[in-house]
Amino acid sequence: MKELVEVIAKALVDHPDEVVVTEKQDGKDIKIELHVAPSDMGKVIGKQGRIAKAIRAVVKAASSKDDLYVDVDII
């Protein structure tokens, strides 16, 4: 899941070298934290959070086949 979020985020931002994704797993729960440059925050969140919701939806769909719960936080 970490790689999926990283690929999506790097495609969206102007400074892909500043994208950092961390993943913490606790059983079937996975918490993914996405760190981007402050100037790229708007690009990752999008208008009214649409891009952030889309990222979460893609990750949720990818994790459902493995019966996992994934929480994506943009920091």
PDB file of N, CA and C in Angstrom:
ATOM      1  N   MET A   1       0.820  -1.196   0.000  1.00  0.00           N
ATOM      2  CA  MET A   1       0.000   0.000   0.000  1.00  0.00           C
ATOM      3  C   MET A   1       0.870   1.268   0.000  1.00  0.00           C
ATOM      4  N   LYS A   2       1.983   1.191   0.719  1.00  0.00           N
ATOM      5  CA  LYS A   2       2.883   2.334   0.809  1.00  0.00           C
ATOM      6  C   LYS A   2       3.361   2.762  -0.586  1.00  0.00           C
ATOM      7  N   GLU A   3       3.717   1.790  -1.407  1.00  0.00           N
ATOM      8  CA  GLU A   3       4.218   2.087  -2.741  1.00  0.00           C
ATOM      9  C   GLU A   3       3.137   2.726  -3.613  1.00  0.00           C
ATOM     10  N   LEU A   4       1.909   2.266  -3.462  1.00  0.00           N
ATOM     11  CA  LEU A   4       0.798   2.815  -4.235  1.00  0.00           C
ATOM     12  C   LEU A   4       0.584   4.291  -3.916  1.00  0.00           C
ATOM     13  N   VAL A   5       0.554   4.632  -2.633  1.00  0.00           N
ATOM     14  CA  VAL A   5       0.372   6.022  -2.222  1.00  0.00           C
ATOM     15  C   VAL A   5       1.547   6.876  -2.703  1.00  0.00           C
ATOM     16  N   GLU A   6       2.745   6.330  -2.627  1.00  0.00           N
ATOM     17  CA  GLU A   6       3.934   7.073  -3.045  1.00  0.00           C
ATOM     18  C   GLU A   6       3.909   7.379  -4.541  1.00  0.00           C
ATOM     19  N   VAL A   7       3.536   6.417  -5.357  1.00  0.00           N
ATOM     20  CA  VAL A   7       3.465   6.620  -6.805  1.00  0.00           C
ATOM     21  C   VAL A   7       2.418   7.675  -7.154  1.00  0.00           C
ATOM     22  N   ILE A   8       1.256   7.592  -6.528  1.00  0.00           N
ATOM     23  CA  ILE A   8       0.189   8.559  -6.798  1.00  0.00           C
ATOM     24  C   ILE A   8       0.626   9.956  -6.379  1.00  0.00           C
ATOM     25  N   ALA A   9       1.190  10.091  -5.191  1.00  0.00           N
ATOM     26  CA  ALA A   9       1.585  11.405  -4.675  1.00  0.00           C
ATOM     27  C   ALA A   9       2.685  12.025  -5.526  1.00  0.00           C
ATOM     28  N   LYS A  10       3.672  11.234  -5.926  1.00  0.00           N
ATOM     29  CA  LYS A  10       4.774  11.768  -6.727  1.00  0.00           C
ATOM     30  C   LYS A  10       4.296  12.242  -8.095  1.00  0.00           C
ATOM     31  N   ALA A  11       3.246  11.636  -8.616  1.00  0.00           N
ATOM     32  CA  ALA A  11       2.693  12.057  -9.904  1.00  0.00           C
ATOM     33  C   ALA A  11       1.952  13.383  -9.788  1.00  0.00           C
ATOM     34  N   LEU A  12       1.490  13.730  -8.596  1.00  0.00           N
ATOM     35  CA  LEU A  12       0.682  14.934  -8.416  1.00  0.00           C
ATOM     36  C   LEU A  12       1.487  16.189  -8.083  1.00  0.00           C
ATOM     37  N   VAL A  13       2.617  16.035  -7.414  1.00  0.00           N
ATOM     38  CA  VAL A  13       3.322  17.183  -6.836  1.00  0.00           C
ATOM     39  C   VAL A  13       4.395  17.743  -7.757  1.00  0.00           C
ATOM     40  N   ASP A  14       4.855  18.970  -7.432  1.00  0.00           N
ATOM     41  CA  ASP A  14       5.941  19.610  -8.168  1.00  0.00           C
ATOM     42  C   ASP A  14       7.307  19.189  -7.633  1.00  0.00           C
ATOM     43  N   HIS A  15       7.365  18.772  -6.373  1.00  0.00           N
ATOM     44  CA  HIS A  15       8.624  18.363  -5.736  1.00  0.00           C
ATOM     45  C   HIS A  15       8.531  16.898  -5.305  1.00  0.00           C
ATOM     46  N   PRO A  16       8.647  15.957  -6.253  1.00  0.00           N
ATOM     47  CA  PRO A  16       8.484  14.538  -5.893  1.00  0.00           C
ATOM     48  C   PRO A  16       9.582  14.011  -4.973  1.00  0.00           C
ATOM     49  N   ASP A  17      10.729  14.687  -4.933  1.00  0.00           N
ATOM     50  CA  ASP A  17      11.802  14.224  -4.057  1.00  0.00           C
ATOM     51  C   ASP A  17      11.496  14.484  -2.585  1.00  0.00           C
ATOM     52  N   GLU A  18      10.508  15.333  -2.297  1.00  0.00           N
ATOM     53  CA  GLU A  18      10.137  15.643  -0.912  1.00  0.00           C
ATOM     54  C   GLU A  18       8.958  14.817  -0.407  1.00  0.00           C
ATOM     55  N   VAL A  19       8.486  13.880  -1.212  1.00  0.00           N
ATOM     56  CA  VAL A  19       7.377  13.002  -0.798  1.00  0.00           C
ATOM     57  C   VAL A  19       7.937  11.890   0.083  1.00  0.00           C
ATOM     58  N   VAL A  20       7.373  11.786   1.288  1.00  0.00           N
ATOM     59  CA  VAL A  20       7.776  10.728   2.220  1.00  0.00           C
ATOM     60  C   VAL A  20       6.518  10.003   2.686  1.00  0.00           C
ATOM     61  N   VAL A  21       6.531   8.685   2.556  1.00  0.00           N
ATOM     62  CA  VAL A  21       5.390   7.871   2.961  1.00  0.00           C
ATOM     63  C   VAL A  21       5.862   6.883   4.020  1.00  0.00           C
ATOM     64  N   THR A  22       5.169   6.874   5.158  1.00  0.00           N
ATOM     65  CA  THR A  22       5.483   5.907   6.211  1.00  0.00           C
ATOM     66  C   THR A  22       4.273   5.019   6.429  1.00  0.00           C
ATOM     67  N   GLU A  23       4.535   3.776   6.791  1.00  0.00           N
ATOM     68  CA  GLU A  23       3.467   2.789   6.972  1.00  0.00           C
ATOM     69  C   GLU A  23       3.662   2.072   8.295  1.00  0.00           C
ATOM     70  N   LYS A  24       2.587   2.008   9.064  1.00  0.00           N
ATOM     71  CA  LYS A  24       2.603   1.283  10.334  1.00  0.00           C
ATOM     72  C   LYS A  24       1.471   0.265  10.301  1.00  0.00           C
ATOM     73  N   GLN A  25       1.808  -0.995  10.569  1.00  0.00           N
ATOM     74  CA  GLN A  25       0.801  -2.046  10.516  1.00  0.00           C
ATOM     75  C   GLN A  25       0.580  -2.635  11.898  1.00  0.00           C
ATOM     76  N   ASP A  26      -0.695  -2.801  12.239  1.00  0.00           N
ATOM     77  CA  ASP A  26      -1.076  -3.410  13.506  1.00  0.00           C
ATOM     78  C   ASP A  26      -2.170  -4.425  13.196  1.00  0.00           C
ATOM     79  N   GLY A  27      -1.775  -5.639  12.945  1.00  0.00           N
ATOM     80  CA  GLY A  27      -2.741  -6.669  12.567  1.00  0.00           C
ATOM     81  C   GLY A  27      -3.283  -6.393  11.181  1.00  0.00           C
ATOM     82  N   LYS A  28      -4.599  -6.223  11.092  1.00  0.00           N
ATOM     83  CA  LYS A  28      -5.216  -5.921   9.802  1.00  0.00           C
ATOM     84  C   LYS A  28      -5.409  -4.430   9.583  1.00  0.00           C
ATOM     85  N   ASP A  29      -4.965  -3.616  10.523  1.00  0.00           N
ATOM     86  CA  ASP A  29      -5.058  -2.161  10.388  1.00  0.00           C
ATOM     87  C   ASP A  29      -3.716  -1.610   9.931  1.00  0.00           C
ATOM     88  N   ILE A  30      -3.753  -0.789   8.897  1.00  0.00           N
ATOM     89  CA  ILE A  30      -2.545  -0.158   8.385  1.00  0.00           C
ATOM     90  C   ILE A  30      -2.760   1.347   8.394  1.00  0.00           C
ATOM     91  N   LYS A  31      -1.800   2.089   8.943  1.00  0.00           N
ATOM     92  CA  LYS A  31      -1.867   3.547   8.942  1.00  0.00           C
ATOM     93  C   LYS A  31      -0.751   4.060   8.044  1.00  0.00           C
ATOM     94  N   ILE A  32      -1.118   4.814   7.026  1.00  0.00           N
ATOM     95  CA  ILE A  32      -0.163   5.377   6.086  1.00  0.00           C
ATOM     96  C   ILE A  32      -0.158   6.888   6.264  1.00  0.00           C
ATOM     97  N   GLU A  33       1.045   7.450   6.461  1.00  0.00           N
ATOM     98  CA  GLU A  33       1.201   8.894   6.591  1.00  0.00           C
ATOM     99  C   GLU A  33       1.941   9.409   5.366  1.00  0.00           C
ATOM    100  N   LEU A  34       1.365  10.416   4.731  1.00  0.00           N
ATOM    101  CA  LEU A  34       1.937  11.017   3.534  1.00  0.00           C
ATOM    102  C   LEU A  34       2.420  12.420   3.878  1.00  0.00           C
ATOM    103  N   HIS A  35       3.717  12.640   3.720  1.00  0.00           N
ATOM    104  CA  HIS A  35       4.314  13.949   3.970  1.00  0.00           C
ATOM    105  C   HIS A  35       4.739  14.538   2.630  1.00  0.00           C
ATOM    106  N   VAL A  36       4.300  15.769   2.348  1.00  0.00           N
ATOM    107  CA  VAL A  36       4.692  16.460   1.120  1.00  0.00           C
ATOM    108  C   VAL A  36       5.184  17.862   1.478  1.00  0.00           C
ATOM    109  N   ALA A  37       5.806  18.520   0.510  1.00  0.00           N
ATOM    110  CA  ALA A  37       6.266  19.889   0.714  1.00  0.00           C
ATOM    111  C   ALA A  37       5.053  20.784   0.958  1.00  0.00           C
ATOM    112  N   PRO A  38       5.210  21.816   1.791  1.00  0.00           N
ATOM    113  CA  PRO A  38       4.071  22.706   2.068  1.00  0.00           C
ATOM    114  C   PRO A  38       3.462  23.325   0.810  1.00  0.00           C
ATOM    115  N   SER A  39       4.287  23.601  -0.188  1.00  0.00           N
ATOM    116  CA  SER A  39       3.759  24.199  -1.424  1.00  0.00           C
ATOM    117  C   SER A  39       2.947  23.200  -2.244  1.00  0.00           C
ATOM    118  N   ASP A  40       3.124  21.908  -1.998  1.00  0.00           N
ATOM    119  CA  ASP A  40       2.394  20.868  -2.735  1.00  0.00           C
ATOM    120  C   ASP A  40       1.159  20.361  -2.001  1.00  0.00           C
ATOM    121  N   MET A  41       0.912  20.859  -0.813  1.00  0.00           N
ATOM    122  CA  MET A  41      -0.200  20.362  -0.004  1.00  0.00           C
ATOM    123  C   MET A  41      -1.542  20.517  -0.730  1.00  0.00           C
ATOM    124  N   GLY A  42      -1.756  21.642  -1.372  1.00  0.00           N
ATOM    125  CA  GLY A  42      -3.008  21.874  -2.087  1.00  0.00           C
ATOM    126  C   GLY A  42      -3.217  20.921  -3.249  1.00  0.00           C
ATOM    127  N   LYS A  43      -2.125  20.539  -3.897  1.00  0.00           N
ATOM    128  CA  LYS A  43      -2.232  19.618  -5.025  1.00  0.00           C
ATOM    129  C   LYS A  43      -2.632  18.224  -4.573  1.00  0.00           C
ATOM    130  N   VAL A  44      -2.189  17.832  -3.394  1.00  0.00           N
ATOM    131  CA  VAL A  44      -2.505  16.488  -2.889  1.00  0.00           C
ATOM    132  C   VAL A  44      -3.904  16.446  -2.295  1.00  0.00           C
ATOM    133  N   ILE A  45      -4.337  17.546  -1.694  1.00  0.00           N
ATOM    134  CA  ILE A  45      -5.671  17.582  -1.085  1.00  0.00           C
ATOM    135  C   ILE A  45      -6.738  17.881  -2.134  1.00  0.00           C
ATOM    136  N   GLY A  46      -6.494  18.839  -2.998  1.00  0.00           N
ATOM    137  CA  GLY A  46      -7.442  19.190  -4.047  1.00  0.00           C
ATOM    138  C   GLY A  46      -8.578  20.054  -3.544  1.00  0.00           C
ATOM    139  N   LYS A  47      -9.383  20.536  -4.465  1.00  0.00           N
ATOM    140  CA  LYS A  47     -10.521  21.371  -4.098  1.00  0.00           C
ATOM    141  C   LYS A  47     -11.538  20.552  -3.325  1.00  0.00           C
ATOM    142  N   GLN A  48     -11.887  21.047  -2.154  1.00  0.00           N
ATOM    143  CA  GLN A  48     -12.832  20.393  -1.244  1.00  0.00           C
ATOM    144  C   GLN A  48     -12.409  18.964  -0.904  1.00  0.00           C
ATOM    145  N   GLY A  49     -11.106  18.682  -0.981  1.00  0.00           N
ATOM    146  CA  GLY A  49     -10.597  17.375  -0.589  1.00  0.00           C
ATOM    147  C   GLY A  49     -10.857  16.258  -1.583  1.00  0.00           C
ATOM    148  N   ARG A  50     -11.172  16.609  -2.818  1.00  0.00           N
ATOM    149  CA  ARG A  50     -11.539  15.581  -3.796  1.00  0.00           C
ATOM    150  C   ARG A  50     -10.378  14.643  -4.128  1.00  0.00           C
ATOM    151  N   ILE A  51      -9.177  15.182  -4.284  1.00  0.00           N
ATOM    152  CA  ILE A  51      -8.040  14.327  -4.627  1.00  0.00           C
ATOM    153  C   ILE A  51      -7.683  13.431  -3.444  1.00  0.00           C
ATOM    154  N   ALA A  52      -7.714  13.986  -2.229  1.00  0.00           N
ATOM    155  CA  ALA A  52      -7.439  13.187  -1.037  1.00  0.00           C
ATOM    156  C   ALA A  52      -8.453  12.048  -0.914  1.00  0.00           C
ATOM    157  N   LYS A  53      -9.715  12.328  -1.182  1.00  0.00           N
ATOM    158  CA  LYS A  53     -10.751  11.286  -1.131  1.00  0.00           C
ATOM    159  C   LYS A  53     -10.505  10.229  -2.200  1.00  0.00           C
ATOM    160  N   ALA A  54     -10.053  10.663  -3.375  1.00  0.00           N
ATOM    161  CA  ALA A  54      -9.785   9.713  -4.453  1.00  0.00           C
ATOM    162  C   ALA A  54      -8.603   8.810  -4.106  1.00  0.00           C
ATOM    163  N   ILE A  55      -7.563   9.382  -3.503  1.00  0.00           N
ATOM    164  CA  ILE A  55      -6.412   8.575  -3.079  1.00  0.00           C
ATOM    165  C   ILE A  55      -6.869   7.536  -2.062  1.00  0.00           C
ATOM    166  N   ARG A  56      -7.668   7.969  -1.105  1.00  0.00           N
ATOM    167  CA  ARG A  56      -8.159   7.033  -0.081  1.00  0.00           C
ATOM    168  C   ARG A  56      -9.033   5.944  -0.691  1.00  0.00           C
ATOM    169  N   ALA A  57      -9.841   6.303  -1.691  1.00  0.00           N
ATOM    170  CA  ALA A  57     -10.717   5.324  -2.338  1.00  0.00           C
ATOM    171  C   ALA A  57      -9.906   4.280  -3.104  1.00  0.00           C
ATOM    172  N   VAL A  58      -8.862   4.709  -3.792  1.00  0.00           N
ATOM    173  CA  VAL A  58      -8.018   3.771  -4.536  1.00  0.00           C
ATOM    174  C   VAL A  58      -7.307   2.815  -3.580  1.00  0.00           C
ATOM    175  N   VAL A  59      -6.776   3.364  -2.483  1.00  0.00           N
ATOM    176  CA  VAL A  59      -6.080   2.524  -1.503  1.00  0.00           C
ATOM    177  C   VAL A  59      -7.054   1.554  -0.839  1.00  0.00           C
ATOM    178  N   LYS A  60      -8.256   2.029  -0.552  1.00  0.00           N
ATOM    179  CA  LYS A  60      -9.270   1.149   0.057  1.00  0.00           C
ATOM    180  C   LYS A  60      -9.635   0.010  -0.885  1.00  0.00           C
ATOM    181  N   ALA A  61      -9.781   0.330  -2.155  1.00  0.00           N
ATOM    182  CA  ALA A  61     -10.114  -0.709  -3.130  1.00  0.00           C
ATOM    183  C   ALA A  61      -8.979  -1.720  -3.261  1.00  0.00           C
ATOM    184  N   ALA A  62      -7.748  -1.248  -3.244  1.00  0.00           N
ATOM    185  CA  ALA A  62      -6.600  -2.149  -3.362  1.00  0.00           C
ATOM    186  C   ALA A  62      -6.442  -3.017  -2.116  1.00  0.00           C
ATOM    187  N   SER A  63      -6.796  -2.476  -0.960  1.00  0.00           N
ATOM    188  CA  SER A  63      -6.614  -3.234   0.284  1.00  0.00           C
ATOM    189  C   SER A  63      -7.771  -4.189   0.563  1.00  0.00           C
ATOM    190  N   SER A  64      -8.892  -4.005  -0.082  1.00  0.00           N
ATOM    191  CA  SER A  64     -10.062  -4.839   0.208  1.00  0.00           C
ATOM    192  C   SER A  64      -9.846  -6.301  -0.200  1.00  0.00           C
ATOM    193  N   LYS A  65      -9.052  -6.534  -1.227  1.00  0.00           N
ATOM    194  CA  LYS A  65      -8.827  -7.924  -1.638  1.00  0.00           C
ATOM    195  C   LYS A  65      -8.001  -8.691  -0.610  1.00  0.00           C
ATOM    196  N   ASP A  66      -7.199  -7.969   0.202  1.00  0.00           N
ATOM    197  CA  ASP A  66      -6.412  -8.610   1.254  1.00  0.00           C
ATOM    198  C   ASP A  66      -7.108  -8.541   2.605  1.00  0.00           C
ATOM    199  N   ASP A  67      -8.351  -8.024   2.619  1.00  0.00           N
ATOM    200  CA  ASP A  67      -9.134  -7.897   3.843  1.00  0.00           C
ATOM    201  C   ASP A  67      -8.405  -7.066   4.903  1.00  0.00           C
ATOM    202  N   LEU A  68      -7.903  -5.907   4.474  1.00  0.00           N
ATOM    203  CA  LEU A  68      -7.188  -4.991   5.364  1.00  0.00           C
ATOM    204  C   LEU A  68      -7.955  -3.683   5.476  1.00  0.00           C
ATOM    205  N   TYR A  69      -7.740  -2.969   6.574  1.00  0.00           N
ATOM    206  CA  TYR A  69      -8.281  -1.622   6.743  1.00  0.00           C
ATOM    207  C   TYR A  69      -7.115  -0.650   6.686  1.00  0.00           C
ATOM    208  N   VAL A  70      -7.166   0.287   5.748  1.00  0.00           N
ATOM    209  CA  VAL A  70      -6.069   1.236   5.561  1.00  0.00           C
ATOM    210  C   VAL A  70      -6.582   2.644   5.812  1.00  0.00           C
ATOM    211  N   ASP A  71      -5.816   3.388   6.622  1.00  0.00           N
ATOM    212  CA  ASP A  71      -6.120   4.781   6.919  1.00  0.00           C
ATOM    213  C   ASP A  71      -4.985   5.630   6.359  1.00  0.00           C
ATOM    214  N   VAL A  72      -5.320   6.578   5.458  1.00  0.00           N
ATOM    215  CA  VAL A  72      -4.311   7.441   4.851  1.00  0.00           C
ATOM    216  C   VAL A  72      -4.441   8.840   5.446  1.00  0.00           C
ATOM    217  N   ASP A  73      -3.350   9.311   6.061  1.00  0.00           N
ATOM    218  CA  ASP A  73      -3.307  10.654   6.614  1.00  0.00           C
ATOM    219  C   ASP A  73      -2.331  11.494   5.823  1.00  0.00           C
ATOM    220  N   ILE A  74      -2.752  12.690   5.440  1.00  0.00           N
ATOM    221  CA  ILE A  74      -1.880  13.622   4.723  1.00  0.00           C
ATOM    222  C   ILE A  74      -1.389  14.658   5.719  1.00  0.00           C
ATOM    223  N   ILE A  75      -0.068  14.703   5.877  1.00  0.00           N
ATOM    224  CA  ILE A  75       0.513  15.587   6.897  1.00  0.00           C
ATOM    225  C   ILE A  75       1.378  16.629   6.217  1.00  0.00           C
TER     226      ILE A  75
END
